[in-house]
Amino acid sequence: FGSRLRPPLSPQPRALALVGPPALGAMTGEFTIRTRKFKQNPLLGRRQFVLDVIHPGMANVSKKDLATKLASMYKVHDSQCIQLFGFKTAFGGGRSTGFGLIYENLDKMKKFEPKYRLKRAGLGAEKAGAGRRSKKDTKNRRKKVRGKEKTKAAGGKK
């Protein structure tokens, strides 16, 4: 009775999905770039766009590689003038979307880019002055003394 409901066992094997080596594009690091919403912004001296990257088989593409490819596409003399940020990888991988800016020159970039992005690009100046902890220590040393001793405690002229 139960054997009539079950299909008969067939001797031919079923197809198996074998996982082989990654595709050739994944090993060589191939990726495709497309720009959308391309805008010239003459007031800020830059071109701005949304960047779509297609990178099958790769987790992500480094911003340096993207910048060099963009520099050749848009004939940029210095790839340091290119700022890329805000990349999000699509669910399942293989596609990322981010934002890009190509400045006319480094002066315009230093003038209009936020400090944190300049620092990220290696252009930001280091902050001068004492650190937070040392400022607190001198303040607390100063609280313990009176009068002229305060300048000595602060490490000023002696």
N, C-alpha and C. Protein backbone atom coordinates (compact mmCIF):
# COMPACT_ATOMS: atom_id res chain seq x y z
N PHE A 1 0.83 -1.20 0.00
CA PHE A 1 0.00 0.00 0.00
C PHE A 1 0.87 1.26 0.00
N GLY A 2 1.91 1.34 0.88
CA GLY A 2 2.79 2.51 0.96
C GLY A 2 3.70 2.63 -0.26
N SER A 3 4.01 1.52 -0.93
CA SER A 3 4.93 1.57 -2.06
C SER A 3 4.27 2.21 -3.28
N ARG A 4 2.95 2.19 -3.37
CA ARG A 4 2.27 2.80 -4.52
C ARG A 4 2.34 4.33 -4.44
N LEU A 5 2.44 4.88 -3.23
CA LEU A 5 2.49 6.34 -3.09
C LEU A 5 3.88 6.90 -3.36
N ARG A 6 4.92 6.12 -3.04
CA ARG A 6 6.29 6.57 -3.25
C ARG A 6 6.72 6.30 -4.68
N PRO A 7 7.47 7.25 -5.32
CA PRO A 7 7.97 6.96 -6.66
C PRO A 7 9.05 5.87 -6.58
N PRO A 8 9.18 5.06 -7.62
CA PRO A 8 10.19 4.00 -7.58
C PRO A 8 11.60 4.59 -7.58
N LEU A 9 12.55 3.93 -6.90
CA LEU A 9 13.94 4.39 -6.86
C LEU A 9 14.57 4.18 -8.22
N SER A 10 15.13 5.24 -8.77
CA SER A 10 15.74 5.14 -10.10
C SER A 10 17.24 4.98 -9.96
N PRO A 11 17.86 4.16 -10.80
CA PRO A 11 19.30 3.93 -10.70
C PRO A 11 20.14 5.11 -11.19
N GLN A 12 19.57 5.99 -12.07
CA GLN A 12 20.39 7.09 -12.58
C GLN A 12 20.60 8.15 -11.48
N PRO A 13 21.86 8.69 -11.37
CA PRO A 13 22.16 9.67 -10.32
C PRO A 13 21.53 11.03 -10.63
N ARG A 14 21.24 11.75 -9.58
CA ARG A 14 20.71 13.10 -9.74
C ARG A 14 21.87 14.06 -9.97
N ALA A 15 21.57 15.22 -10.55
CA ALA A 15 22.61 16.23 -10.81
C ALA A 15 23.02 16.87 -9.49
N LEU A 16 24.31 17.00 -9.28
CA LEU A 16 24.84 17.62 -8.08
C LEU A 16 25.46 18.96 -8.45
N ALA A 17 25.22 19.95 -7.62
CA ALA A 17 25.86 21.25 -7.83
C ALA A 17 27.20 21.25 -7.11
N LEU A 18 28.26 21.25 -7.88
CA LEU A 18 29.59 21.25 -7.29
C LEU A 18 30.10 22.67 -7.21
N VAL A 19 30.72 22.99 -6.12
CA VAL A 19 31.29 24.32 -5.94
C VAL A 19 32.74 24.24 -6.36
N GLY A 20 33.06 24.97 -7.41
CA GLY A 20 34.42 24.94 -7.94
C GLY A 20 35.19 26.17 -7.53
N PRO A 21 36.31 26.42 -8.19
CA PRO A 21 37.10 27.62 -7.88
C PRO A 21 36.35 28.88 -8.29
N PRO A 22 36.68 30.02 -7.69
CA PRO A 22 35.97 31.25 -8.04
C PRO A 22 36.20 31.62 -9.51
N ALA A 23 35.30 32.46 -10.01
CA ALA A 23 35.40 32.89 -11.40
C ALA A 23 36.69 33.65 -11.64
N LEU A 24 37.12 33.69 -12.89
CA LEU A 24 38.39 34.34 -13.23
C LEU A 24 38.37 35.82 -12.86
N GLY A 25 37.21 36.47 -13.03
CA GLY A 25 37.09 37.89 -12.70
C GLY A 25 37.32 38.16 -11.23
N ALA A 26 36.95 37.22 -10.39
CA ALA A 26 37.12 37.40 -8.95
C ALA A 26 38.58 37.34 -8.55
N MET A 27 39.35 36.51 -9.25
CA MET A 27 40.76 36.36 -8.89
C MET A 27 41.59 37.54 -9.36
N THR A 28 41.27 38.08 -10.55
CA THR A 28 42.05 39.20 -11.08
C THR A 28 41.60 40.53 -10.51
N GLY A 29 40.44 40.56 -9.86
CA GLY A 29 39.96 41.80 -9.24
C GLY A 29 39.30 42.71 -10.25
N GLU A 30 38.50 42.14 -11.16
CA GLU A 30 37.82 42.96 -12.16
C GLU A 30 36.58 43.58 -11.56
N PHE A 31 36.31 44.82 -11.96
CA PHE A 31 35.10 45.50 -11.53
C PHE A 31 34.70 46.52 -12.58
N THR A 32 33.43 46.86 -12.59
CA THR A 32 32.90 47.82 -13.56
C THR A 32 32.37 49.03 -12.80
N ILE A 33 32.59 50.20 -13.39
CA ILE A 33 32.15 51.46 -12.76
C ILE A 33 31.14 52.15 -13.65
N ARG A 34 30.07 52.64 -13.05
CA ARG A 34 29.11 53.49 -13.76
C ARG A 34 28.83 54.71 -12.89
N THR A 35 28.71 55.87 -13.53
CA THR A 35 28.36 57.08 -12.78
C THR A 35 26.94 57.50 -13.15
N ARG A 36 26.18 57.92 -12.14
CA ARG A 36 24.82 58.43 -12.33
C ARG A 36 24.74 59.81 -11.72
N LYS A 37 23.71 60.55 -12.10
CA LYS A 37 23.44 61.88 -11.52
C LYS A 37 24.69 62.76 -11.55
N PHE A 38 25.39 62.74 -12.66
CA PHE A 38 26.64 63.50 -12.79
C PHE A 38 26.32 64.98 -12.87
N LYS A 39 26.98 65.79 -12.04
CA LYS A 39 26.72 67.23 -11.99
C LYS A 39 28.03 68.00 -11.97
N GLN A 40 28.07 69.10 -12.69
CA GLN A 40 29.18 70.04 -12.60
C GLN A 40 28.79 71.05 -11.52
N ASN A 41 29.68 71.28 -10.57
CA ASN A 41 29.39 72.26 -9.53
C ASN A 41 30.49 73.33 -9.57
N PRO A 42 30.33 74.35 -10.40
CA PRO A 42 31.40 75.35 -10.56
C PRO A 42 31.63 76.21 -9.32
N LEU A 43 30.60 76.40 -8.49
CA LEU A 43 30.79 77.21 -7.29
C LEU A 43 31.75 76.55 -6.31
N LEU A 44 31.68 75.23 -6.21
CA LEU A 44 32.60 74.51 -5.33
C LEU A 44 33.79 73.93 -6.09
N GLY A 45 33.82 74.17 -7.39
CA GLY A 45 34.96 73.73 -8.20
C GLY A 45 35.10 72.22 -8.26
N ARG A 46 33.98 71.53 -8.49
CA ARG A 46 34.05 70.07 -8.51
C ARG A 46 32.97 69.47 -9.39
N ARG A 47 33.17 68.20 -9.71
CA ARG A 47 32.15 67.39 -10.36
C ARG A 47 31.69 66.38 -9.33
N GLN A 48 30.39 66.13 -9.28
CA GLN A 48 29.88 65.21 -8.27
C GLN A 48 28.94 64.20 -8.91
N PHE A 49 28.89 63.01 -8.35
CA PHE A 49 28.14 61.93 -8.98
C PHE A 49 27.90 60.80 -8.00
N VAL A 50 26.94 59.95 -8.35
CA VAL A 50 26.70 58.70 -7.64
C VAL A 50 27.45 57.63 -8.41
N LEU A 51 28.17 56.80 -7.69
CA LEU A 51 29.03 55.80 -8.31
C LEU A 51 28.48 54.41 -8.06
N ASP A 52 28.23 53.66 -9.14
CA ASP A 52 27.79 52.27 -9.03
C ASP A 52 28.94 51.38 -9.42
N VAL A 53 29.29 50.46 -8.54
CA VAL A 53 30.40 49.53 -8.79
C VAL A 53 29.83 48.12 -8.85
N ILE A 54 30.17 47.41 -9.91
CA ILE A 54 29.75 46.01 -10.04
C ILE A 54 31.02 45.18 -9.88
N HIS A 55 31.05 44.36 -8.82
CA HIS A 55 32.24 43.57 -8.50
C HIS A 55 31.86 42.14 -8.16
N PRO A 56 31.52 41.33 -9.17
CA PRO A 56 31.10 39.95 -8.89
C PRO A 56 32.25 39.12 -8.33
N GLY A 57 31.96 38.37 -7.28
CA GLY A 57 32.97 37.49 -6.70
C GLY A 57 33.94 38.17 -5.76
N MET A 58 33.87 39.50 -5.66
CA MET A 58 34.74 40.23 -4.74
C MET A 58 33.89 40.80 -3.61
N ALA A 59 34.46 40.84 -2.42
CA ALA A 59 33.72 41.41 -1.28
C ALA A 59 33.49 42.90 -1.51
N ASN A 60 34.54 43.62 -1.83
CA ASN A 60 34.47 45.05 -2.10
C ASN A 60 35.67 45.48 -2.91
N VAL A 61 35.64 46.70 -3.40
CA VAL A 61 36.76 47.26 -4.16
C VAL A 61 37.31 48.42 -3.35
N SER A 62 38.63 48.51 -3.27
CA SER A 62 39.23 49.59 -2.47
C SER A 62 39.01 50.94 -3.15
N LYS A 63 38.92 51.98 -2.34
CA LYS A 63 38.67 53.32 -2.87
C LYS A 63 39.85 53.79 -3.72
N LYS A 64 41.04 53.32 -3.40
CA LYS A 64 42.23 53.69 -4.18
C LYS A 64 42.11 53.16 -5.61
N ASP A 65 41.67 51.89 -5.75
CA ASP A 65 41.48 51.31 -7.08
C ASP A 65 40.40 52.05 -7.85
N LEU A 66 39.32 52.39 -7.15
CA LEU A 66 38.23 53.13 -7.79
C LEU A 66 38.71 54.50 -8.25
N ALA A 67 39.51 55.16 -7.41
CA ALA A 67 40.00 56.51 -7.74
C ALA A 67 40.91 56.47 -8.97
N THR A 68 41.77 55.45 -9.06
CA THR A 68 42.67 55.38 -10.22
C THR A 68 41.87 55.12 -11.50
N LYS A 69 40.84 54.28 -11.41
CA LYS A 69 40.01 54.01 -12.59
C LYS A 69 39.23 55.25 -12.99
N LEU A 70 38.70 55.99 -12.00
CA LEU A 70 37.97 57.23 -12.29
C LEU A 70 38.89 58.28 -12.90
N ALA A 71 40.13 58.34 -12.41
CA ALA A 71 41.10 59.32 -12.92
C ALA A 71 41.37 59.08 -14.40
N SER A 72 41.44 57.80 -14.80
CA SER A 72 41.67 57.52 -16.22
C SER A 72 40.40 57.78 -17.04
N MET A 73 39.23 57.52 -16.46
CA MET A 73 37.97 57.75 -17.18
C MET A 73 37.72 59.23 -17.43
N TYR A 74 37.96 60.06 -16.42
CA TYR A 74 37.64 61.49 -16.52
C TYR A 74 38.87 62.37 -16.70
N LYS A 75 39.99 61.77 -17.04
CA LYS A 75 41.24 62.49 -17.34
C LYS A 75 41.61 63.48 -16.23
N VAL A 76 41.70 62.96 -15.00
CA VAL A 76 42.07 63.78 -13.85
C VAL A 76 43.59 63.69 -13.69
N HIS A 77 44.24 64.83 -13.56
CA HIS A 77 45.71 64.84 -13.48
C HIS A 77 46.22 64.26 -12.17
N ASP A 78 45.49 64.51 -11.07
CA ASP A 78 45.92 64.03 -9.75
C ASP A 78 44.79 63.23 -9.10
N SER A 79 45.04 61.95 -8.82
CA SER A 79 43.97 61.12 -8.24
C SER A 79 43.69 61.50 -6.79
N GLN A 80 44.52 62.38 -6.20
CA GLN A 80 44.24 62.86 -4.83
C GLN A 80 43.06 63.83 -4.82
N CYS A 81 42.72 64.39 -5.98
CA CYS A 81 41.59 65.32 -6.07
C CYS A 81 40.26 64.58 -6.07
N ILE A 82 40.30 63.25 -6.07
CA ILE A 82 39.07 62.46 -6.10
C ILE A 82 38.73 62.01 -4.69
N GLN A 83 37.50 62.29 -4.26
CA GLN A 83 37.02 61.89 -2.94
C GLN A 83 35.88 60.90 -3.12
N LEU A 84 35.98 59.73 -2.53
CA LEU A 84 34.92 58.72 -2.60
C LEU A 84 34.48 58.39 -1.19
N PHE A 85 33.16 58.32 -0.97
CA PHE A 85 32.68 58.04 0.38
C PHE A 85 31.25 57.52 0.33
N GLY A 86 30.78 57.00 1.47
CA GLY A 86 29.39 56.59 1.62
C GLY A 86 29.01 55.35 0.83
N PHE A 87 29.92 54.39 0.75
CA PHE A 87 29.62 53.19 -0.03
C PHE A 87 28.78 52.19 0.76
N LYS A 88 27.77 51.66 0.09
CA LYS A 88 26.91 50.64 0.67
C LYS A 88 26.92 49.46 -0.29
N THR A 89 27.14 48.26 0.24
CA THR A 89 27.12 47.07 -0.58
C THR A 89 25.69 46.52 -0.61
N ALA A 90 25.23 46.16 -1.80
CA ALA A 90 23.88 45.62 -1.95
C ALA A 90 23.80 44.26 -1.28
N PHE A 91 22.62 43.92 -0.81
CA PHE A 91 22.42 42.63 -0.16
C PHE A 91 22.74 41.51 -1.14
N GLY A 92 23.56 40.58 -0.71
CA GLY A 92 23.99 39.49 -1.58
C GLY A 92 25.34 39.78 -2.21
N GLY A 93 25.82 41.01 -2.10
CA GLY A 93 27.13 41.37 -2.61
C GLY A 93 27.14 41.55 -4.12
N GLY A 94 28.32 41.85 -4.64
CA GLY A 94 28.49 41.99 -6.08
C GLY A 94 28.19 43.37 -6.62
N ARG A 95 27.52 44.22 -5.83
CA ARG A 95 27.19 45.56 -6.28
C ARG A 95 27.30 46.53 -5.12
N SER A 96 27.95 47.66 -5.35
CA SER A 96 28.05 48.70 -4.33
C SER A 96 27.68 50.04 -4.94
N THR A 97 27.19 50.93 -4.10
CA THR A 97 26.84 52.27 -4.54
C THR A 97 27.40 53.27 -3.54
N GLY A 98 28.01 54.32 -4.05
CA GLY A 98 28.57 55.35 -3.18
C GLY A 98 28.53 56.70 -3.88
N PHE A 99 29.21 57.67 -3.26
CA PHE A 99 29.21 59.03 -3.78
C PHE A 99 30.64 59.44 -4.10
N GLY A 100 30.80 60.23 -5.16
CA GLY A 100 32.14 60.66 -5.55
C GLY A 100 32.19 62.13 -5.89
N LEU A 101 33.34 62.72 -5.60
CA LEU A 101 33.60 64.12 -5.94
C LEU A 101 34.95 64.21 -6.63
N ILE A 102 35.02 64.94 -7.73
CA ILE A 102 36.30 65.19 -8.39
C ILE A 102 36.52 66.70 -8.35
N TYR A 103 37.51 67.12 -7.59
CA TYR A 103 37.82 68.55 -7.47
C TYR A 103 38.75 68.99 -8.59
N GLU A 104 38.67 70.29 -8.93
CA GLU A 104 39.53 70.85 -9.99
C GLU A 104 40.99 70.84 -9.56
N ASN A 105 41.24 71.18 -8.30
CA ASN A 105 42.61 71.15 -7.78
C ASN A 105 42.59 70.94 -6.26
N LEU A 106 43.76 70.73 -5.69
CA LEU A 106 43.85 70.45 -4.25
C LEU A 106 43.45 71.63 -3.39
N ASP A 107 43.68 72.86 -3.89
CA ASP A 107 43.31 74.06 -3.11
C ASP A 107 41.80 74.12 -2.90
N LYS A 108 41.04 73.86 -3.96
CA LYS A 108 39.58 73.86 -3.84
C LYS A 108 39.13 72.75 -2.89
N MET A 109 39.81 71.63 -2.98
CA MET A 109 39.46 70.50 -2.11
C MET A 109 39.69 70.85 -0.65
N LYS A 110 40.83 71.47 -0.36
CA LYS A 110 41.14 71.85 1.02
C LYS A 110 40.19 72.92 1.53
N LYS A 111 39.69 73.75 0.61
CA LYS A 111 38.81 74.84 1.00
C LYS A 111 37.40 74.33 1.35
N PHE A 112 36.88 73.37 0.58
CA PHE A 112 35.48 72.99 0.71
C PHE A 112 35.22 71.65 1.38
N GLU A 113 36.17 70.75 1.40
CA GLU A 113 35.94 69.43 2.00
C GLU A 113 35.94 69.52 3.52
N PRO A 114 35.13 68.72 4.19
CA PRO A 114 35.17 68.72 5.66
C PRO A 114 36.51 68.15 6.16
N LYS A 115 36.89 68.59 7.35
CA LYS A 115 38.21 68.24 7.90
C LYS A 115 38.40 66.73 8.03
N TYR A 116 37.34 66.02 8.42
CA TYR A 116 37.50 64.59 8.64
C TYR A 116 37.79 63.85 7.34
N ARG A 117 37.20 64.33 6.22
CA ARG A 117 37.47 63.68 4.94
C ARG A 117 38.85 64.04 4.42
N LEU A 118 39.31 65.25 4.73
CA LEU A 118 40.68 65.62 4.36
C LEU A 118 41.68 64.77 5.12
N LYS A 119 41.41 64.55 6.40
CA LYS A 119 42.28 63.73 7.22
C LYS A 119 42.30 62.29 6.71
N ARG A 120 41.14 61.81 6.29
CA ARG A 120 41.01 60.46 5.74
C ARG A 120 41.84 60.32 4.47
N ALA A 121 41.89 61.40 3.68
CA ALA A 121 42.65 61.39 2.43
C ALA A 121 44.14 61.64 2.66
N GLY A 122 44.51 61.96 3.91
CA GLY A 122 45.91 62.22 4.23
C GLY A 122 46.34 63.65 3.97
N LEU A 123 45.39 64.58 3.94
CA LEU A 123 45.71 65.98 3.66
C LEU A 123 45.50 66.88 4.87
N GLY A 124 44.81 66.42 5.89
CA GLY A 124 44.49 67.26 7.05
C GLY A 124 45.71 67.54 7.90
N ALA A 125 45.77 68.75 8.43
CA ALA A 125 46.87 69.13 9.31
C ALA A 125 46.64 68.55 10.70
N GLU A 126 47.71 68.18 11.34
CA GLU A 126 47.61 67.64 12.71
C GLU A 126 47.25 68.76 13.68
N LYS A 127 46.47 68.43 14.69
CA LYS A 127 46.09 69.42 15.70
C LYS A 127 47.29 69.69 16.61
N ALA A 128 47.53 70.96 16.84
CA ALA A 128 48.61 71.34 17.74
C ALA A 128 48.05 71.54 19.14
N GLY A 129 48.89 71.41 20.14
CA GLY A 129 48.45 71.65 21.51
C GLY A 129 48.42 70.39 22.33
N ALA A 130 48.17 70.59 23.62
CA ALA A 130 48.17 69.47 24.55
C ALA A 130 46.91 68.64 24.38
N GLY A 131 47.01 67.41 24.80
CA GLY A 131 45.86 66.52 24.71
C GLY A 131 44.88 66.76 25.84
N ARG A 132 43.76 66.11 25.76
CA ARG A 132 42.68 66.28 26.73
C ARG A 132 43.11 65.90 28.15
N ARG A 133 43.78 64.76 28.27
CA ARG A 133 44.20 64.27 29.60
C ARG A 133 45.19 65.23 30.25
N SER A 134 46.17 65.71 29.48
CA SER A 134 47.18 66.60 30.07
C SER A 134 46.58 67.94 30.47
N LYS A 135 45.59 68.43 29.72
CA LYS A 135 44.90 69.68 30.10
C LYS A 135 44.20 69.51 31.44
N LYS A 136 43.55 68.37 31.61
CA LYS A 136 42.85 68.10 32.87
C LYS A 136 43.83 68.00 34.03
N ASP A 137 44.97 67.35 33.80
CA ASP A 137 45.97 67.21 34.86
C ASP A 137 46.49 68.56 35.32
N THR A 138 46.80 69.46 34.36
CA THR A 138 47.31 70.79 34.75
C THR A 138 46.24 71.58 35.49
N LYS A 139 44.99 71.47 35.05
CA LYS A 139 43.88 72.17 35.72
C LYS A 139 43.77 71.70 37.16
N ASN A 140 43.85 70.40 37.37
CA ASN A 140 43.71 69.87 38.73
C ASN A 140 44.91 70.20 39.61
N ARG A 141 46.10 70.28 39.00
CA ARG A 141 47.29 70.71 39.77
C ARG A 141 47.13 72.16 40.19
N ARG A 142 46.57 72.99 39.29
CA ARG A 142 46.37 74.40 39.58
C ARG A 142 45.38 74.61 40.72
N LYS A 143 44.39 73.75 40.84
CA LYS A 143 43.38 73.88 41.89
C LYS A 143 43.98 73.69 43.28
N LYS A 144 45.08 72.95 43.35
CA LYS A 144 45.65 72.61 44.67
C LYS A 144 46.53 73.71 45.24
N VAL A 145 46.90 74.71 44.43
CA VAL A 145 47.79 75.77 44.92
C VAL A 145 47.11 77.13 44.84
N ARG A 146 47.71 78.14 45.55
CA ARG A 146 47.15 79.48 45.58
C ARG A 146 48.14 80.50 45.03
N GLY A 147 47.61 81.59 44.47
CA GLY A 147 48.43 82.74 44.09
C GLY A 147 49.38 82.47 42.94
N LYS A 148 50.63 82.96 43.14
CA LYS A 148 51.63 82.86 42.08
C LYS A 148 52.04 81.43 41.79
N GLU A 149 51.80 80.56 42.75
CA GLU A 149 52.18 79.14 42.57
C GLU A 149 51.39 78.50 41.42
N LYS A 150 50.23 79.09 41.09
CA LYS A 150 49.39 78.53 40.04
C LYS A 150 50.13 78.49 38.70
N THR A 151 50.88 79.55 38.42
CA THR A 151 51.62 79.58 37.14
C THR A 151 52.70 78.50 37.13
N LYS A 152 53.32 78.27 38.28
CA LYS A 152 54.32 77.19 38.36
C LYS A 152 53.67 75.83 38.16
N ALA A 153 52.50 75.66 38.79
CA ALA A 153 51.79 74.38 38.68
C ALA A 153 51.34 74.12 37.24
N ALA A 154 51.01 75.23 36.53
CA ALA A 154 50.55 75.08 35.15
C ALA A 154 51.70 74.80 34.21
N GLY A 155 52.92 74.93 34.68
CA GLY A 155 54.08 74.70 33.82
C GLY A 155 54.42 75.92 32.99
N GLY A 156 54.04 77.11 33.47
CA GLY A 156 54.31 78.35 32.74
C GLY A 156 55.71 78.86 33.06
N LYS A 157 55.89 80.23 33.00
CA LYS A 157 57.21 80.83 33.29
C LYS A 157 57.52 80.67 34.77
N LYS A 158 58.75 80.32 35.04
CA LYS A 158 59.14 80.10 36.45
C LYS A 158 60.08 81.20 36.91
